[in-house]
Amino acid sequence: MRYIENKILASGIEMRYLSEEYIFRKGQKAEFVFFLKEGSLLFDWPLDKTRSKVINLPCFIGIEEAMDGKSYSCSMKTLVDCKFLVFERKYFLMLMNEFEAATPYFLQKKEDFNILSS
């Protein structure tokens, strides 16, 4: 599994975002999957009881939306300068098909994010 993770992370495009910058908003078409390398994020679910959640651990964001071709279910904003690996949706889906173990890996990462954000 570590081999798959290293291959996948090595194929992301590194991007930096400034503090207080929206990465995406609820309802926006999910064109990208993000991996937070460094920083702190604020997630806002406008209709949810928890409403807001801060995450500052490395994690994948947007897997479920990219896999299902949905829009983002929340808004995500940086709280500090952040570093991400970014994967275009088409490329992300290609990665899932390229490696046999990629689908189980991403399904686990999707569950990890759901636990982290609850």
PDB file of N, CA and C in Angstrom:
ATOM      1  N   MET A   1       0.823  -1.190   0.000  1.00  0.00           N
ATOM      2  CA  MET A   1       0.000   0.000   0.000  1.00  0.00           C
ATOM      3  C   MET A   1       0.874   1.264   0.000  1.00  0.00           C
ATOM      4  N   ARG A   2       1.997   1.205   0.688  1.00  0.00           N
ATOM      5  CA  ARG A   2       2.896   2.361   0.752  1.00  0.00           C
ATOM      6  C   ARG A   2       3.447   2.704  -0.640  1.00  0.00           C
ATOM      7  N   TYR A   3       3.724   1.662  -1.428  1.00  0.00           N
ATOM      8  CA  TYR A   3       4.210   1.860  -2.790  1.00  0.00           C
ATOM      9  C   TYR A   3       3.183   2.640  -3.616  1.00  0.00           C
ATOM     10  N   ILE A   4       1.916   2.234  -3.521  1.00  0.00           N
ATOM     11  CA  ILE A   4       0.842   2.906  -4.258  1.00  0.00           C
ATOM     12  C   ILE A   4       0.734   4.360  -3.801  1.00  0.00           C
ATOM     13  N   GLU A   5       0.771   4.581  -2.493  1.00  0.00           N
ATOM     14  CA  GLU A   5       0.680   5.942  -1.968  1.00  0.00           C
ATOM     15  C   GLU A   5       1.820   6.808  -2.507  1.00  0.00           C
ATOM     16  N   ASN A   6       3.033   6.297  -2.489  1.00  0.00           N
ATOM     17  CA  ASN A   6       4.183   7.062  -2.992  1.00  0.00           C
ATOM     18  C   ASN A   6       4.034   7.388  -4.472  1.00  0.00           C
ATOM     19  N   LYS A   7       3.588   6.422  -5.266  1.00  0.00           N
ATOM     20  CA  LYS A   7       3.383   6.644  -6.704  1.00  0.00           C
ATOM     21  C   LYS A   7       2.316   7.716  -6.945  1.00  0.00           C
ATOM     22  N   ILE A   8       1.219   7.625  -6.211  1.00  0.00           N
ATOM     23  CA  ILE A   8       0.119   8.566  -6.391  1.00  0.00           C
ATOM     24  C   ILE A   8       0.538   9.969  -5.965  1.00  0.00           C
ATOM     25  N   LEU A   9       1.133  10.095  -4.791  1.00  0.00           N
ATOM     26  CA  LEU A   9       1.533  11.424  -4.309  1.00  0.00           C
ATOM     27  C   LEU A   9       2.601  12.040  -5.206  1.00  0.00           C
ATOM     28  N   ALA A  10       3.457  11.231  -5.771  1.00  0.00           N
ATOM     29  CA  ALA A  10       4.502  11.747  -6.664  1.00  0.00           C
ATOM     30  C   ALA A  10       3.922  12.312  -7.950  1.00  0.00           C
ATOM     31  N   SER A  11       2.689  11.953  -8.283  1.00  0.00           N
ATOM     32  CA  SER A  11       2.093  12.407  -9.538  1.00  0.00           C
ATOM     33  C   SER A  11       1.222  13.654  -9.376  1.00  0.00           C
ATOM     34  N   GLY A  12       1.073  14.152  -8.149  1.00  0.00           N
ATOM     35  CA  GLY A  12       0.286  15.371  -7.931  1.00  0.00           C
ATOM     36  C   GLY A  12       1.074  16.617  -8.286  1.00  0.00           C
ATOM     37  N   ILE A  13       0.367  17.668  -8.589  1.00  0.00           N
ATOM     38  CA  ILE A  13       0.983  18.968  -8.878  1.00  0.00           C
ATOM     39  C   ILE A  13       0.973  19.777  -7.588  1.00  0.00           C
ATOM     40  N   GLU A  14       2.152  20.199  -7.140  1.00  0.00           N
ATOM     41  CA  GLU A  14       2.227  20.952  -5.894  1.00  0.00           C
ATOM     42  C   GLU A  14       1.786  22.390  -6.121  1.00  0.00           C
ATOM     43  N   MET A  15       0.892  22.840  -5.253  1.00  0.00           N
ATOM     44  CA  MET A  15       0.395  24.220  -5.323  1.00  0.00           C
ATOM     45  C   MET A  15       0.350  24.798  -3.919  1.00  0.00           C
ATOM     46  N   ARG A  16       0.565  26.094  -3.854  1.00  0.00           N
ATOM     47  CA  ARG A  16       0.475  26.816  -2.578  1.00  0.00           C
ATOM     48  C   ARG A  16      -0.706  27.776  -2.658  1.00  0.00           C
ATOM     49  N   TYR A  17      -1.427  27.874  -1.560  1.00  0.00           N
ATOM     50  CA  TYR A  17      -2.537  28.813  -1.452  1.00  0.00           C
ATOM     51  C   TYR A  17      -2.289  29.702  -0.245  1.00  0.00           C
ATOM     52  N   LEU A  18      -2.676  30.945  -0.365  1.00  0.00           N
ATOM     53  CA  LEU A  18      -2.498  31.908   0.710  1.00  0.00           C
ATOM     54  C   LEU A  18      -3.570  31.746   1.778  1.00  0.00           C
ATOM     55  N   SER A  19      -3.306  32.303   2.930  1.00  0.00           N
ATOM     56  CA  SER A  19      -4.258  32.298   4.030  1.00  0.00           C
ATOM     57  C   SER A  19      -5.560  32.988   3.620  1.00  0.00           C
ATOM     58  N   GLU A  20      -6.677  32.456   4.111  1.00  0.00           N
ATOM     59  CA  GLU A  20      -8.012  33.029   3.881  1.00  0.00           C
ATOM     60  C   GLU A  20      -8.464  32.947   2.422  1.00  0.00           C
ATOM     61  N   GLU A  21      -7.961  31.967   1.691  1.00  0.00           N
ATOM     62  CA  GLU A  21      -8.324  31.801   0.288  1.00  0.00           C
ATOM     63  C   GLU A  21      -9.287  30.620   0.142  1.00  0.00           C
ATOM     64  N   TYR A  22     -10.388  30.815  -0.575  1.00  0.00           N
ATOM     65  CA  TYR A  22     -11.307  29.711  -0.844  1.00  0.00           C
ATOM     66  C   TYR A  22     -10.698  28.825  -1.923  1.00  0.00           C
ATOM     67  N   ILE A  23     -10.665  27.527  -1.664  1.00  0.00           N
ATOM     68  CA  ILE A  23     -10.167  26.561  -2.634  1.00  0.00           C
ATOM     69  C   ILE A  23     -11.338  26.109  -3.509  1.00  0.00           C
ATOM     70  N   PHE A  24     -12.483  25.883  -2.873  1.00  0.00           N
ATOM     71  CA  PHE A  24     -13.726  25.614  -3.595  1.00  0.00           C
ATOM     72  C   PHE A  24     -14.897  25.965  -2.698  1.00  0.00           C
ATOM     73  N   ARG A  25     -16.046  26.104  -3.325  1.00  0.00           N
ATOM     74  CA  ARG A  25     -17.275  26.428  -2.596  1.00  0.00           C
ATOM     75  C   ARG A  25     -18.323  25.350  -2.820  1.00  0.00           C
ATOM     76  N   LYS A  26     -19.198  25.208  -1.849  1.00  0.00           N
ATOM     77  CA  LYS A  26     -20.278  24.231  -1.934  1.00  0.00           C
ATOM     78  C   LYS A  26     -21.045  24.436  -3.244  1.00  0.00           C
ATOM     79  N   GLY A  27     -21.305  23.323  -3.947  1.00  0.00           N
ATOM     80  CA  GLY A  27     -22.049  23.383  -5.196  1.00  0.00           C
ATOM     81  C   GLY A  27     -21.184  23.540  -6.434  1.00  0.00           C
ATOM     82  N   GLN A  28     -19.911  23.884  -6.250  1.00  0.00           N
ATOM     83  CA  GLN A  28     -18.995  24.014  -7.389  1.00  0.00           C
ATOM     84  C   GLN A  28     -18.677  22.610  -7.913  1.00  0.00           C
ATOM     85  N   LYS A  29     -18.618  22.472  -9.225  1.00  0.00           N
ATOM     86  CA  LYS A  29     -18.305  21.180  -9.832  1.00  0.00           C
ATOM     87  C   LYS A  29     -16.926  20.708  -9.368  1.00  0.00           C
ATOM     88  N   ALA A  30     -16.840  19.456  -8.956  1.00  0.00           N
ATOM     89  CA  ALA A  30     -15.587  18.896  -8.436  1.00  0.00           C
ATOM     90  C   ALA A  30     -14.660  18.545  -9.590  1.00  0.00           C
ATOM     91  N   GLU A  31     -13.787  19.459  -9.934  1.00  0.00           N
ATOM     92  CA  GLU A  31     -12.830  19.254 -11.023  1.00  0.00           C
ATOM     93  C   GLU A  31     -11.480  18.769 -10.522  1.00  0.00           C
ATOM     94  N   PHE A  32     -11.255  18.819  -9.194  1.00  0.00           N
ATOM     95  CA  PHE A  32      -9.949  18.486  -8.637  1.00  0.00           C
ATOM     96  C   PHE A  32     -10.085  17.690  -7.348  1.00  0.00           C
ATOM     97  N   VAL A  33      -9.071  16.864  -7.087  1.00  0.00           N
ATOM     98  CA  VAL A  33      -8.889  16.207  -5.799  1.00  0.00           C
ATOM     99  C   VAL A  33      -7.643  16.843  -5.196  1.00  0.00           C
ATOM    100  N   PHE A  34      -7.704  17.134  -3.898  1.00  0.00           N
ATOM    101  CA  PHE A  34      -6.611  17.810  -3.211  1.00  0.00           C
ATOM    102  C   PHE A  34      -6.021  16.901  -2.139  1.00  0.00           C
ATOM    103  N   PHE A  35      -4.719  17.012  -1.951  1.00  0.00           N
ATOM    104  CA  PHE A  35      -4.057  16.369  -0.826  1.00  0.00           C
ATOM    105  C   PHE A  35      -3.385  17.471  -0.029  1.00  0.00           C
ATOM    106  N   LEU A  36      -3.840  17.688   1.194  1.00  0.00           N
ATOM    107  CA  LEU A  36      -3.256  18.712   2.059  1.00  0.00           C
ATOM    108  C   LEU A  36      -1.923  18.204   2.591  1.00  0.00           C
ATOM    109  N   LYS A  37      -0.844  18.889   2.229  1.00  0.00           N
ATOM    110  CA  LYS A  37       0.486  18.528   2.727  1.00  0.00           C
ATOM    111  C   LYS A  37       0.817  19.309   3.983  1.00  0.00           C
ATOM    112  N   GLU A  38       0.526  20.607   3.956  1.00  0.00           N
ATOM    113  CA  GLU A  38       0.845  21.485   5.085  1.00  0.00           C
ATOM    114  C   GLU A  38      -0.231  22.552   5.195  1.00  0.00           C
ATOM    115  N   GLY A  39      -0.584  22.890   6.418  1.00  0.00           N
ATOM    116  CA  GLY A  39      -1.503  23.993   6.626  1.00  0.00           C
ATOM    117  C   GLY A  39      -2.730  23.598   7.418  1.00  0.00           C
ATOM    118  N   SER A  40      -3.678  24.511   7.436  1.00  0.00           N
ATOM    119  CA  SER A  40      -4.912  24.341   8.187  1.00  0.00           C
ATOM    120  C   SER A  40      -6.073  24.832   7.341  1.00  0.00           C
ATOM    121  N   LEU A  41      -7.146  24.040   7.324  1.00  0.00           N
ATOM    122  CA  LEU A  41      -8.305  24.341   6.484  1.00  0.00           C
ATOM    123  C   LEU A  41      -9.564  24.466   7.315  1.00  0.00           C
ATOM    124  N   LEU A  42     -10.469  25.298   6.826  1.00  0.00           N
ATOM    125  CA  LEU A  42     -11.794  25.417   7.423  1.00  0.00           C
ATOM    126  C   LEU A  42     -12.806  24.884   6.416  1.00  0.00           C
ATOM    127  N   PHE A  43     -13.576  23.893   6.838  1.00  0.00           N
ATOM    128  CA  PHE A  43     -14.650  23.341   6.024  1.00  0.00           C
ATOM    129  C   PHE A  43     -15.960  23.872   6.553  1.00  0.00           C
ATOM    130  N   ASP A  44     -16.853  24.241   5.661  1.00  0.00           N
ATOM    131  CA  ASP A  44     -18.148  24.789   6.058  1.00  0.00           C
ATOM    132  C   ASP A  44     -19.251  24.032   5.333  1.00  0.00           C
ATOM    133  N   TRP A  45     -20.087  23.355   6.113  1.00  0.00           N
ATOM    134  CA  TRP A  45     -21.267  22.662   5.605  1.00  0.00           C
ATOM    135  C   TRP A  45     -22.474  23.500   6.020  1.00  0.00           C
ATOM    136  N   PRO A  46     -22.987  24.361   5.151  1.00  0.00           N
ATOM    137  CA  PRO A  46     -24.035  25.314   5.525  1.00  0.00           C
ATOM    138  C   PRO A  46     -25.302  24.687   6.115  1.00  0.00           C
ATOM    139  N   LEU A  47     -25.676  23.504   5.698  1.00  0.00           N
ATOM    140  CA  LEU A  47     -26.921  22.912   6.194  1.00  0.00           C
ATOM    141  C   LEU A  47     -26.688  21.847   7.254  1.00  0.00           C
ATOM    142  N   ASP A  48     -25.455  21.646   7.657  1.00  0.00           N
ATOM    143  CA  ASP A  48     -25.120  20.589   8.601  1.00  0.00           C
ATOM    144  C   ASP A  48     -25.088  21.134  10.026  1.00  0.00           C
ATOM    145  N   LYS A  49     -25.372  20.256  10.993  1.00  0.00           N
ATOM    146  CA  LYS A  49     -25.336  20.641  12.403  1.00  0.00           C
ATOM    147  C   LYS A  49     -23.946  21.101  12.824  1.00  0.00           C
ATOM    148  N   THR A  50     -22.923  20.367  12.384  1.00  0.00           N
ATOM    149  CA  THR A  50     -21.563  20.721  12.786  1.00  0.00           C
ATOM    150  C   THR A  50     -21.104  22.010  12.137  1.00  0.00           C
ATOM    151  N   ARG A  51     -21.666  22.351  11.029  1.00  0.00           N
ATOM    152  CA  ARG A  51     -21.428  23.573  10.284  1.00  0.00           C
ATOM    153  C   ARG A  51     -19.982  23.776   9.868  1.00  0.00           C
ATOM    154  N   SER A  52     -19.052  23.919  10.794  1.00  0.00           N
ATOM    155  CA  SER A  52     -17.656  24.192  10.448  1.00  0.00           C
ATOM    156  C   SER A  52     -16.730  23.195  11.127  1.00  0.00           C
ATOM    157  N   LYS A  53     -15.621  22.922  10.456  1.00  0.00           N
ATOM    158  CA  LYS A  53     -14.637  21.986  10.996  1.00  0.00           C
ATOM    159  C   LYS A  53     -13.264  22.414  10.512  1.00  0.00           C
ATOM    160  N   VAL A  54     -12.299  22.442  11.416  1.00  0.00           N
ATOM    161  CA  VAL A  54     -10.915  22.769  11.064  1.00  0.00           C
ATOM    162  C   VAL A  54     -10.134  21.463  10.942  1.00  0.00           C
ATOM    163  N   ILE A  55      -9.393  21.327   9.857  1.00  0.00           N
ATOM    164  CA  ILE A  55      -8.545  20.155   9.646  1.00  0.00           C
ATOM    165  C   ILE A  55      -7.135  20.640   9.353  1.00  0.00           C
ATOM    166  N   ASN A  56      -6.166  20.059  10.059  1.00  0.00           N
ATOM    167  CA  ASN A  56      -4.774  20.438   9.824  1.00  0.00           C
ATOM    168  C   ASN A  56      -3.860  19.214   9.724  1.00  0.00           C
ATOM    169  N   LEU A  57      -4.427  18.084   9.323  1.00  0.00           N
ATOM    170  CA  LEU A  57      -3.660  16.866   9.125  1.00  0.00           C
ATOM    171  C   LEU A  57      -3.581  16.545   7.641  1.00  0.00           C
ATOM    172  N   PRO A  58      -2.487  15.939   7.188  1.00  0.00           N
ATOM    173  CA  PRO A  58      -2.433  15.534   5.782  1.00  0.00           C
ATOM    174  C   PRO A  58      -3.606  14.609   5.439  1.00  0.00           C
ATOM    175  N   CYS A  59      -4.310  14.933   4.358  1.00  0.00           N
ATOM    176  CA  CYS A  59      -5.461  14.121   3.948  1.00  0.00           C
ATOM    177  C   CYS A  59      -5.855  14.461   2.520  1.00  0.00           C
ATOM    178  N   PHE A  60      -6.576  13.516   1.904  1.00  0.00           N
ATOM    179  CA  PHE A  60      -7.160  13.745   0.591  1.00  0.00           C
ATOM    180  C   PHE A  60      -8.521  14.398   0.768  1.00  0.00           C
ATOM    181  N   ILE A  61      -8.855  15.322  -0.129  1.00  0.00           N
ATOM    182  CA  ILE A  61     -10.120  16.042  -0.089  1.00  0.00           C
ATOM    183  C   ILE A  61     -10.741  16.009  -1.477  1.00  0.00           C
ATOM    184  N   GLY A  62     -12.006  15.624  -1.546  1.00  0.00           N
ATOM    185  CA  GLY A  62     -12.728  15.634  -2.808  1.00  0.00           C
ATOM    186  C   GLY A  62     -12.767  14.311  -3.536  1.00  0.00           C
ATOM    187  N   ILE A  63     -12.341  13.233  -2.882  1.00  0.00           N
ATOM    188  CA  ILE A  63     -12.342  11.920  -3.542  1.00  0.00           C
ATOM    189  C   ILE A  63     -13.752  11.494  -3.911  1.00  0.00           C
ATOM    190  N   GLU A  64     -14.652  11.557  -2.950  1.00  0.00           N
ATOM    191  CA  GLU A  64     -16.028  11.095  -3.199  1.00  0.00           C
ATOM    192  C   GLU A  64     -16.678  11.873  -4.334  1.00  0.00           C
ATOM    193  N   GLU A  65     -16.528  13.181  -4.324  1.00  0.00           N
ATOM    194  CA  GLU A  65     -17.124  14.013  -5.365  1.00  0.00           C
ATOM    195  C   GLU A  65     -16.523  13.698  -6.739  1.00  0.00           C
ATOM    196  N   ALA A  66     -15.199  13.513  -6.783  1.00  0.00           N
ATOM    197  CA  ALA A  66     -14.544  13.204  -8.054  1.00  0.00           C
ATOM    198  C   ALA A  66     -14.960  11.833  -8.579  1.00  0.00           C
ATOM    199  N   MET A  67     -15.037  10.844  -7.686  1.00  0.00           N
ATOM    200  CA  MET A  67     -15.417   9.494  -8.105  1.00  0.00           C
ATOM    201  C   MET A  67     -16.848   9.464  -8.642  1.00  0.00           C
ATOM    202  N   ASP A  68     -17.735  10.208  -7.995  1.00  0.00           N
ATOM    203  CA  ASP A  68     -19.154  10.180  -8.353  1.00  0.00           C
ATOM    204  C   ASP A  68     -19.552  11.264  -9.352  1.00  0.00           C
ATOM    205  N   GLY A  69     -18.621  12.129  -9.743  1.00  0.00           N
ATOM    206  CA  GLY A  69     -18.932  13.213 -10.676  1.00  0.00           C
ATOM    207  C   GLY A  69     -19.883  14.238 -10.082  1.00  0.00           C
ATOM    208  N   LYS A  70     -19.794  14.451  -8.777  1.00  0.00           N
ATOM    209  CA  LYS A  70     -20.687  15.376  -8.079  1.00  0.00           C
ATOM    210  C   LYS A  70     -20.024  16.746  -7.890  1.00  0.00           C
ATOM    211  N   SER A  71     -20.805  17.629  -7.330  1.00  0.00           N
ATOM    212  CA  SER A  71     -20.286  18.928  -6.903  1.00  0.00           C
ATOM    213  C   SER A  71     -19.774  18.791  -5.472  1.00  0.00           C
ATOM    214  N   TYR A  72     -18.917  19.727  -5.068  1.00  0.00           N
ATOM    215  CA  TYR A  72     -18.423  19.705  -3.698  1.00  0.00           C
ATOM    216  C   TYR A  72     -19.584  19.905  -2.731  1.00  0.00           C
ATOM    217  N   SER A  73     -19.575  19.146  -1.641  1.00  0.00           N
ATOM    218  CA  SER A  73     -20.678  19.181  -0.673  1.00  0.00           C
ATOM    219  C   SER A  73     -20.464  20.216   0.422  1.00  0.00           C
ATOM    220  N   CYS A  74     -19.335  20.915   0.383  1.00  0.00           N
ATOM    221  CA  CYS A  74     -19.033  21.935   1.384  1.00  0.00           C
ATOM    222  C   CYS A  74     -18.129  22.982   0.744  1.00  0.00           C
ATOM    223  N   SER A  75     -17.801  23.997   1.504  1.00  0.00           N
ATOM    224  CA  SER A  75     -16.816  24.993   1.076  1.00  0.00           C
ATOM    225  C   SER A  75     -15.526  24.747   1.854  1.00  0.00           C
ATOM    226  N   MET A  76     -14.390  25.004   1.222  1.00  0.00           N
ATOM    227  CA  MET A  76     -13.096  24.814   1.875  1.00  0.00           C
ATOM    228  C   MET A  76     -12.266  26.076   1.698  1.00  0.00           C
ATOM    229  N   LYS A  77     -11.738  26.544   2.817  1.00  0.00           N
ATOM    230  CA  LYS A  77     -10.968  27.785   2.843  1.00  0.00           C
ATOM    231  C   LYS A  77      -9.702  27.567   3.667  1.00  0.00           C
ATOM    232  N   THR A  78      -8.613  28.178   3.257  1.00  0.00           N
ATOM    233  CA  THR A  78      -7.371  28.080   4.018  1.00  0.00           C
ATOM    234  C   THR A  78      -7.431  29.010   5.225  1.00  0.00           C
ATOM    235  N   LEU A  79      -6.845  28.585   6.323  1.00  0.00           N
ATOM    236  CA  LEU A  79      -6.733  29.441   7.513  1.00  0.00           C
ATOM    237  C   LEU A  79      -5.342  30.051   7.619  1.00  0.00           C
ATOM    238  N   VAL A  80      -4.375  29.373   7.031  1.00  0.00           N
ATOM    239  CA  VAL A  80      -2.983  29.831   6.964  1.00  0.00           C
ATOM    240  C   VAL A  80      -2.491  29.498   5.562  1.00  0.00           C
ATOM    241  N   ASP A  81      -1.280  29.902   5.232  1.00  0.00           N
ATOM    242  CA  ASP A  81      -0.708  29.487   3.955  1.00  0.00           C
ATOM    243  C   ASP A  81      -0.659  27.957   3.937  1.00  0.00           C
ATOM    244  N   CYS A  82      -1.079  27.355   2.829  1.00  0.00           N
ATOM    245  CA  CYS A  82      -1.171  25.897   2.729  1.00  0.00           C
ATOM    246  C   CYS A  82      -0.455  25.388   1.495  1.00  0.00           C
ATOM    247  N   LYS A  83       0.004  24.150   1.602  1.00  0.00           N
ATOM    248  CA  LYS A  83       0.637  23.468   0.481  1.00  0.00           C
ATOM    249  C   LYS A  83      -0.191  22.214   0.177  1.00  0.00           C
ATOM    250  N   PHE A  84      -0.547  22.049  -1.104  1.00  0.00           N
ATOM    251  CA  PHE A  84      -1.354  20.927  -1.559  1.00  0.00           C
ATOM    252  C   PHE A  84      -0.665  20.195  -2.697  1.00  0.00           C
ATOM    253  N   LEU A  85      -1.057  18.944  -2.883  1.00  0.00           N
ATOM    254  CA  LEU A  85      -0.863  18.245  -4.132  1.00  0.00           C
ATOM    255  C   LEU A  85      -2.237  18.233  -4.777  1.00  0.00           C
ATOM    256  N   VAL A  86      -2.302  18.618  -6.042  1.00  0.00           N
ATOM    257  CA  VAL A  86      -3.586  18.740  -6.730  1.00  0.00           C
ATOM    258  C   VAL A  86      -3.612  17.763  -7.901  1.00  0.00           C
ATOM    259  N   PHE A  87      -4.766  17.102  -8.036  1.00  0.00           N
ATOM    260  CA  PHE A  87      -4.976  16.120  -9.095  1.00  0.00           C
ATOM    261  C   PHE A  87      -6.218  16.511  -9.880  1.00  0.00           C
ATOM    262  N   GLU A  88      -6.077  16.734 -11.169  1.00  0.00           N
ATOM    263  CA  GLU A  88      -7.238  16.992 -12.010  1.00  0.00           C
ATOM    264  C   GLU A  88      -8.117  15.739 -11.994  1.00  0.00           C
ATOM    265  N   ARG A  89      -9.419  15.913 -12.007  1.00  0.00           N
ATOM    266  CA  ARG A  89     -10.362  14.793 -11.889  1.00  0.00           C
ATOM    267  C   ARG A  89     -10.085  13.702 -12.917  1.00  0.00           C
ATOM    268  N   LYS A  90      -9.912  14.060 -14.175  1.00  0.00           N
ATOM    269  CA  LYS A  90      -9.658  13.054 -15.219  1.00  0.00           C
ATOM    270  C   LYS A  90      -8.392  12.264 -14.913  1.00  0.00           C
ATOM    271  N   TYR A  91      -7.364  12.964 -14.480  1.00  0.00           N
ATOM    272  CA  TYR A  91      -6.102  12.295 -14.153  1.00  0.00           C
ATOM    273  C   TYR A  91      -6.274  11.416 -12.922  1.00  0.00           C
ATOM    274  N   PHE A  92      -7.000  11.901 -11.936  1.00  0.00           N
ATOM    275  CA  PHE A  92      -7.278  11.131 -10.731  1.00  0.00           C
ATOM    276  C   PHE A  92      -7.972   9.814 -11.078  1.00  0.00           C
ATOM    277  N   LEU A  93      -8.992   9.872 -11.940  1.00  0.00           N
ATOM    278  CA  LEU A  93      -9.719   8.662 -12.345  1.00  0.00           C
ATOM    279  C   LEU A  93      -8.802   7.721 -13.131  1.00  0.00           C
ATOM    280  N   MET A  94      -7.900   8.280 -13.927  1.00  0.00           N
ATOM    281  CA  MET A  94      -6.940   7.455 -14.649  1.00  0.00           C
ATOM    282  C   MET A  94      -6.000   6.741 -13.671  1.00  0.00           C
ATOM    283  N   LEU A  95      -5.553   7.441 -12.620  1.00  0.00           N
ATOM    284  CA  LEU A  95      -4.691   6.821 -11.612  1.00  0.00           C
ATOM    285  C   LEU A  95      -5.391   5.641 -10.947  1.00  0.00           C
ATOM    286  N   MET A  96      -6.682   5.797 -10.695  1.00  0.00           N
ATOM    287  CA  MET A  96      -7.440   4.720 -10.055  1.00  0.00           C
ATOM    288  C   MET A  96      -7.435   3.464 -10.924  1.00  0.00           C
ATOM    289  N   ASN A  97      -7.446   3.642 -12.232  1.00  0.00           N
ATOM    290  CA  ASN A  97      -7.462   2.498 -13.140  1.00  0.00           C
ATOM    291  C   ASN A  97      -6.074   1.959 -13.437  1.00  0.00           C
ATOM    292  N   GLU A  98      -5.056   2.798 -13.248  1.00  0.00           N
ATOM    293  CA  GLU A  98      -3.697   2.415 -13.598  1.00  0.00           C
ATOM    294  C   GLU A  98      -3.108   1.386 -12.638  1.00  0.00           C
ATOM    295  N   PHE A  99      -3.405   1.528 -11.369  1.00  0.00           N
ATOM    296  CA  PHE A  99      -2.859   0.637 -10.350  1.00  0.00           C
ATOM    297  C   PHE A  99      -3.981  -0.193  -9.746  1.00  0.00           C
ATOM    298  N   GLU A 100      -3.766  -1.491  -9.657  1.00  0.00           N
ATOM    299  CA  GLU A 100      -4.794  -2.390  -9.124  1.00  0.00           C
ATOM    300  C   GLU A 100      -5.183  -2.026  -7.695  1.00  0.00           C
ATOM    301  N   ALA A 101      -4.220  -1.639  -6.882  1.00  0.00           N
ATOM    302  CA  ALA A 101      -4.491  -1.334  -5.480  1.00  0.00           C
ATOM    303  C   ALA A 101      -4.953   0.112  -5.260  1.00  0.00           C
ATOM    304  N   ALA A 102      -5.047   0.905  -6.315  1.00  0.00           N
ATOM    305  CA  ALA A 102      -5.406   2.316  -6.140  1.00  0.00           C
ATOM    306  C   ALA A 102      -6.846   2.495  -5.674  1.00  0.00           C
ATOM    307  N   THR A 103      -7.775   1.731  -6.223  1.00  0.00           N
ATOM    308  CA  THR A 103      -9.178   1.892  -5.826  1.00  0.00           C
ATOM    309  C   THR A 103      -9.370   1.606  -4.343  1.00  0.00           C
ATOM    310  N   PRO A 104      -8.894   0.464  -3.811  1.00  0.00           N
ATOM    311  CA  PRO A 104      -9.034   0.252  -2.364  1.00  0.00           C
ATOM    312  C   PRO A 104      -8.326   1.336  -1.546  1.00  0.00           C
ATOM    313  N   TYR A 105      -7.182   1.796  -2.030  1.00  0.00           N
ATOM    314  CA  TYR A 105      -6.437   2.859  -1.340  1.00  0.00           C
ATOM    315  C   TYR A 105      -7.289   4.123  -1.240  1.00  0.00           C
ATOM    316  N   PHE A 106      -7.867   4.553  -2.372  1.00  0.00           N
ATOM    317  CA  PHE A 106      -8.667   5.779  -2.366  1.00  0.00           C
ATOM    318  C   PHE A 106      -9.970   5.614  -1.589  1.00  0.00           C
ATOM    319  N   LEU A 107     -10.554   4.442  -1.623  1.00  0.00           N
ATOM    320  CA  LEU A 107     -11.768   4.210  -0.816  1.00  0.00           C
ATOM    321  C   LEU A 107     -11.444   4.337   0.669  1.00  0.00           C
ATOM    322  N   GLN A 108     -10.278   3.837   1.073  1.00  0.00           N
ATOM    323  CA  GLN A 108      -9.863   3.985   2.470  1.00  0.00           C
ATOM    324  C   GLN A 108      -9.599   5.451   2.799  1.00  0.00           C
ATOM    325  N   LYS A 109      -8.962   6.186   1.897  1.00  0.00           N
ATOM    326  CA  LYS A 109      -8.682   7.612   2.130  1.00  0.00           C
ATOM    327  C   LYS A 109      -9.978   8.420   2.193  1.00  0.00           C
ATOM    328  N   LYS A 110     -10.970   8.027   1.407  1.00  0.00           N
ATOM    329  CA  LYS A 110     -12.283   8.686   1.464  1.00  0.00           C
ATOM    330  C   LYS A 110     -12.908   8.474   2.837  1.00  0.00           C
ATOM    331  N   GLU A 111     -12.837   7.246   3.350  1.00  0.00           N
ATOM    332  CA  GLU A 111     -13.372   6.956   4.690  1.00  0.00           C
ATOM    333  C   GLU A 111     -12.591   7.697   5.771  1.00  0.00           C
ATOM    334  N   ASP A 112     -11.270   7.760   5.615  1.00  0.00           N
ATOM    335  CA  ASP A 112     -10.448   8.506   6.567  1.00  0.00           C
ATOM    336  C   ASP A 112     -10.888   9.963   6.639  1.00  0.00           C
ATOM    337  N   PHE A 113     -11.171  10.570   5.476  1.00  0.00           N
ATOM    338  CA  PHE A 113     -11.619  11.955   5.460  1.00  0.00           C
ATOM    339  C   PHE A 113     -12.990  12.088   6.113  1.00  0.00           C
ATOM    340  N   ASN A 114     -13.888  11.165   5.844  1.00  0.00           N
ATOM    341  CA  ASN A 114     -15.231  11.216   6.451  1.00  0.00           C
ATOM    342  C   ASN A 114     -15.152  11.156   7.967  1.00  0.00           C
ATOM    343  N   ILE A 115     -14.251  10.326   8.492  1.00  0.00           N
ATOM    344  CA  ILE A 115     -14.059  10.242   9.949  1.00  0.00           C
ATOM    345  C   ILE A 115     -13.441  11.531  10.465  1.00  0.00           C
ATOM    346  N   LEU A 116     -12.446  12.030   9.773  1.00  0.00           N
ATOM    347  CA  LEU A 116     -11.746  13.260  10.176  1.00  0.00           C
ATOM    348  C   LEU A 116     -12.693  14.462  10.175  1.00  0.00           C
ATOM    349  N   SER A 117     -13.604  14.497   9.236  1.00  0.00           N
ATOM    350  CA  SER A 117     -14.479  15.670   9.108  1.00  0.00           C
ATOM    351  C   SER A 117     -15.774  15.559   9.906  1.00  0.00           C
ATOM    352  N   SER A 118     -15.985  14.432  10.575  1.00  0.00           N
ATOM    353  CA  SER A 118     -17.241  14.300  11.348  1.00  0.00           C
ATOM    354  C   SER A 118     -17.089  14.784  12.774  1.00  0.00           C
TER     355      SER A 118
END
